[in-house]
Amino acid sequence: MPDRRTFDTIEAALEAFNLPSDNLAAVRDHLSEREYEQRCYIVSSGQYIGLKEAGSLKTVYINRGFIDYRDGENDWTRILLPSNKIRDGGYTQGKGYQREAQACPNCGSRMPLSGVCDLC
């Protein structure tokens, strides 16, 4: 299996990637805000387009429903595109809200989320 398909222009990669039409305009808007190298790639799984900012090692990942890019040295930013499975219920982003276990007021051990200490 080839490692990835490379393209000489971003437009050629976008055409091969076959984004939903309402996402294509949003991707082009994002790409117009910064300068990117034209040479880019689509990974062998077909999950995303990878491209680099001009004169930088920062990579931008264009997925079918979102764009991930570095905004600063180590800060990642995600832009949700108009048509994506994250909002439409196909899959979720992250693990959602998780409650923190509380300490038992009597013995100090961590209680289960039911709020009833197993040790007391």
C-alpha atoms as a PDB file:
ATOM      1  CA  MET A   1       0.000   0.000   0.000  1.00  0.00           C
ATOM      2  CA  PRO A   2       1.474   3.385  -0.930  1.00  0.00           C
ATOM      3  CA  ASP A   3       2.359   5.703   1.925  1.00  0.00           C
ATOM      4  CA  ARG A   4       0.462   8.685   0.511  1.00  0.00           C
ATOM      5  CA  ARG A   5      -0.498  10.416  -2.720  1.00  0.00           C
ATOM      6  CA  THR A   6       1.301  13.686  -3.377  1.00  0.00           C
ATOM      7  CA  PHE A   7      -0.020  16.628  -5.378  1.00  0.00           C
ATOM      8  CA  ASP A   8       1.713  19.608  -6.944  1.00  0.00           C
ATOM      9  CA  THR A   9      -1.130  21.992  -6.059  1.00  0.00           C
ATOM     10  CA  ILE A  10      -3.614  22.321  -3.227  1.00  0.00           C
ATOM     11  CA  GLU A  11      -6.455  22.567  -5.763  1.00  0.00           C
ATOM     12  CA  ALA A  12      -5.503  19.174  -7.251  1.00  0.00           C
ATOM     13  CA  ALA A  13      -5.576  17.618  -3.778  1.00  0.00           C
ATOM     14  CA  LEU A  14      -8.939  19.225  -2.972  1.00  0.00           C
ATOM     15  CA  GLU A  15     -10.380  17.875  -6.216  1.00  0.00           C
ATOM     16  CA  ALA A  16      -9.104  14.351  -5.484  1.00  0.00           C
ATOM     17  CA  PHE A  17     -10.293  14.531  -1.864  1.00  0.00           C
ATOM     18  CA  ASN A  18     -13.893  15.127  -2.965  1.00  0.00           C
ATOM     19  CA  LEU A  19     -15.079  17.337  -0.095  1.00  0.00           C
ATOM     20  CA  PRO A  20     -18.773  18.139   0.277  1.00  0.00           C
ATOM     21  CA  SER A  21     -19.411  21.324  -1.718  1.00  0.00           C
ATOM     22  CA  ASP A  22     -20.484  23.376   1.302  1.00  0.00           C
ATOM     23  CA  ASN A  23     -17.180  22.506   3.018  1.00  0.00           C
ATOM     24  CA  LEU A  24     -15.050  23.402   0.009  1.00  0.00           C
ATOM     25  CA  ALA A  25     -15.787  27.132   0.316  1.00  0.00           C
ATOM     26  CA  ALA A  26     -14.943  27.096   4.047  1.00  0.00           C
ATOM     27  CA  VAL A  27     -11.654  25.284   3.370  1.00  0.00           C
ATOM     28  CA  ARG A  28     -10.720  27.777   0.666  1.00  0.00           C
ATOM     29  CA  ASP A  29     -11.540  30.655   3.022  1.00  0.00           C
ATOM     30  CA  HIS A  30      -9.212  29.210   5.665  1.00  0.00           C
ATOM     31  CA  LEU A  31      -6.442  28.587   3.146  1.00  0.00           C
ATOM     32  CA  SER A  32      -6.660  32.178   1.896  1.00  0.00           C
ATOM     33  CA  GLU A  33      -5.830  33.515   5.387  1.00  0.00           C
ATOM     34  CA  ARG A  34      -2.296  32.100   5.411  1.00  0.00           C
ATOM     35  CA  GLU A  35       0.356  31.180   2.902  1.00  0.00           C
ATOM     36  CA  TYR A  36       0.832  27.464   2.260  1.00  0.00           C
ATOM     37  CA  GLU A  37       3.221  25.410   0.171  1.00  0.00           C
ATOM     38  CA  GLN A  38       1.420  24.131  -2.924  1.00  0.00           C
ATOM     39  CA  ARG A  39       2.875  20.620  -2.689  1.00  0.00           C
ATOM     40  CA  CYS A  40       0.666  18.548  -0.391  1.00  0.00           C
ATOM     41  CA  TYR A  41      -0.538  14.975   0.149  1.00  0.00           C
ATOM     42  CA  ILE A  42      -3.484  12.752   0.956  1.00  0.00           C
ATOM     43  CA  VAL A  43      -2.642   9.893   3.326  1.00  0.00           C
ATOM     44  CA  SER A  44      -3.143   6.335   2.121  1.00  0.00           C
ATOM     45  CA  SER A  45      -6.246   5.904   4.304  1.00  0.00           C
ATOM     46  CA  GLY A  46      -7.826   8.885   2.517  1.00  0.00           C
ATOM     47  CA  GLN A  47      -8.720  10.490   5.856  1.00  0.00           C
ATOM     48  CA  TYR A  48      -7.114  13.898   5.352  1.00  0.00           C
ATOM     49  CA  ILE A  49      -5.029  16.257   3.240  1.00  0.00           C
ATOM     50  CA  GLY A  50      -1.752  17.340   4.836  1.00  0.00           C
ATOM     51  CA  LEU A  51      -0.021  20.556   3.856  1.00  0.00           C
ATOM     52  CA  LYS A  52       2.544  22.879   5.374  1.00  0.00           C
ATOM     53  CA  GLU A  53       2.600  26.592   5.967  1.00  0.00           C
ATOM     54  CA  ALA A  54       5.123  28.300   3.702  1.00  0.00           C
ATOM     55  CA  GLY A  55       8.522  28.567   5.382  1.00  0.00           C
ATOM     56  CA  SER A  56       7.391  26.559   8.410  1.00  0.00           C
ATOM     57  CA  LEU A  57       7.200  22.995   9.662  1.00  0.00           C
ATOM     58  CA  LYS A  58       3.609  23.507  10.854  1.00  0.00           C
ATOM     59  CA  THR A  59       1.245  21.063   9.185  1.00  0.00           C
ATOM     60  CA  VAL A  60      -2.432  21.674   8.508  1.00  0.00           C
ATOM     61  CA  TYR A  61      -4.796  18.712   8.305  1.00  0.00           C
ATOM     62  CA  ILE A  62      -7.941  19.102   6.200  1.00  0.00           C
ATOM     63  CA  ASN A  63     -10.460  16.397   7.068  1.00  0.00           C
ATOM     64  CA  ARG A  64     -13.894  15.958   5.514  1.00  0.00           C
ATOM     65  CA  GLY A  65     -15.658  17.668   8.444  1.00  0.00           C
ATOM     66  CA  PHE A  66     -12.993  19.818  10.101  1.00  0.00           C
ATOM     67  CA  ILE A  67      -9.579  21.469   9.781  1.00  0.00           C
ATOM     68  CA  ASP A  68      -6.851  21.050  12.413  1.00  0.00           C
ATOM     69  CA  TYR A  69      -3.947  23.491  12.435  1.00  0.00           C
ATOM     70  CA  ARG A  70      -1.351  24.872  14.804  1.00  0.00           C
ATOM     71  CA  ASP A  71      -2.097  28.306  16.114  1.00  0.00           C
ATOM     72  CA  GLY A  72       1.143  29.062  17.908  1.00  0.00           C
ATOM     73  CA  GLU A  73       3.986  26.750  18.868  1.00  0.00           C
ATOM     74  CA  ASN A  74       2.035  23.829  20.363  1.00  0.00           C
ATOM     75  CA  ASP A  75      -1.587  25.009  20.374  1.00  0.00           C
ATOM     76  CA  TRP A  76      -3.904  23.111  18.031  1.00  0.00           C
ATOM     77  CA  THR A  77      -7.090  24.693  16.734  1.00  0.00           C
ATOM     78  CA  ARG A  78     -10.016  22.822  15.182  1.00  0.00           C
ATOM     79  CA  ILE A  79     -12.403  24.491  12.758  1.00  0.00           C
ATOM     80  CA  LEU A  80     -15.648  22.593  12.245  1.00  0.00           C
ATOM     81  CA  LEU A  81     -16.830  22.699   8.653  1.00  0.00           C
ATOM     82  CA  PRO A  82     -20.516  23.226   7.777  1.00  0.00           C
ATOM     83  CA  SER A  83     -21.084  19.553   6.934  1.00  0.00           C
ATOM     84  CA  ASN A  84     -19.470  17.159   9.403  1.00  0.00           C
ATOM     85  CA  LYS A  85     -20.226  14.004  11.349  1.00  0.00           C
ATOM     86  CA  ILE A  86     -19.140  15.615  14.610  1.00  0.00           C
ATOM     87  CA  ARG A  87     -22.266  17.767  14.719  1.00  0.00           C
ATOM     88  CA  ASP A  88     -24.544  15.416  12.784  1.00  0.00           C
ATOM     89  CA  GLY A  89     -24.210  12.623  15.369  1.00  0.00           C
ATOM     90  CA  GLY A  90     -22.051  10.206  13.351  1.00  0.00           C
ATOM     91  CA  TYR A  91     -19.279  10.328  15.921  1.00  0.00           C
ATOM     92  CA  THR A  92     -18.290  12.599  18.740  1.00  0.00           C
ATOM     93  CA  GLN A  93     -15.317  14.768  19.413  1.00  0.00           C
ATOM     94  CA  GLY A  94     -13.466  13.913  22.612  1.00  0.00           C
ATOM     95  CA  LYS A  95     -14.892  11.887  25.482  1.00  0.00           C
ATOM     96  CA  GLY A  96     -17.519  14.343  26.577  1.00  0.00           C
ATOM     97  CA  TYR A  97     -18.039  15.533  30.124  1.00  0.00           C
ATOM     98  CA  GLN A  98     -16.599  13.313  32.849  1.00  0.00           C
ATOM     99  CA  ARG A  99     -17.390  13.919  36.497  1.00  0.00           C
ATOM    100  CA  GLU A 100     -14.570  14.047  39.000  1.00  0.00           C
ATOM    101  CA  ALA A 101     -14.745  11.481  41.848  1.00  0.00           C
ATOM    102  CA  GLN A 102     -15.213  13.129  45.264  1.00  0.00           C
ATOM    103  CA  ALA A 103     -13.332  12.339  48.463  1.00  0.00           C
ATOM    104  CA  CYS A 104     -15.280  10.671  51.266  1.00  0.00           C
ATOM    105  CA  PRO A 105     -15.830  13.167  54.108  1.00  0.00           C
ATOM    106  CA  ASN A 106     -15.272  10.372  56.726  1.00  0.00           C
ATOM    107  CA  CYS A 107     -12.185   8.465  55.538  1.00  0.00           C
ATOM    108  CA  GLY A 108     -10.822  10.598  52.670  1.00  0.00           C
ATOM    109  CA  SER A 109     -10.794   7.800  50.062  1.00  0.00           C
ATOM    110  CA  ARG A 110     -12.240   8.377  46.596  1.00  0.00           C
ATOM    111  CA  MET A 111     -15.922   7.558  46.431  1.00  0.00           C
ATOM    112  CA  PRO A 112     -17.603   5.968  43.418  1.00  0.00           C
ATOM    113  CA  LEU A 113     -19.712   8.333  41.347  1.00  0.00           C
ATOM    114  CA  SER A 114     -22.792   7.034  43.179  1.00  0.00           C
ATOM    115  CA  GLY A 115     -21.630   9.102  46.177  1.00  0.00           C
ATOM    116  CA  VAL A 116     -21.709   6.149  48.615  1.00  0.00           C
ATOM    117  CA  CYS A 117     -18.309   5.247  50.059  1.00  0.00           C
ATOM    118  CA  ASP A 118     -17.360   1.570  49.663  1.00  0.00           C
ATOM    119  CA  LEU A 119     -15.110   1.633  52.734  1.00  0.00           C
ATOM    120  CA  CYS A 120     -17.382   3.316  55.298  1.00  0.00           C
END
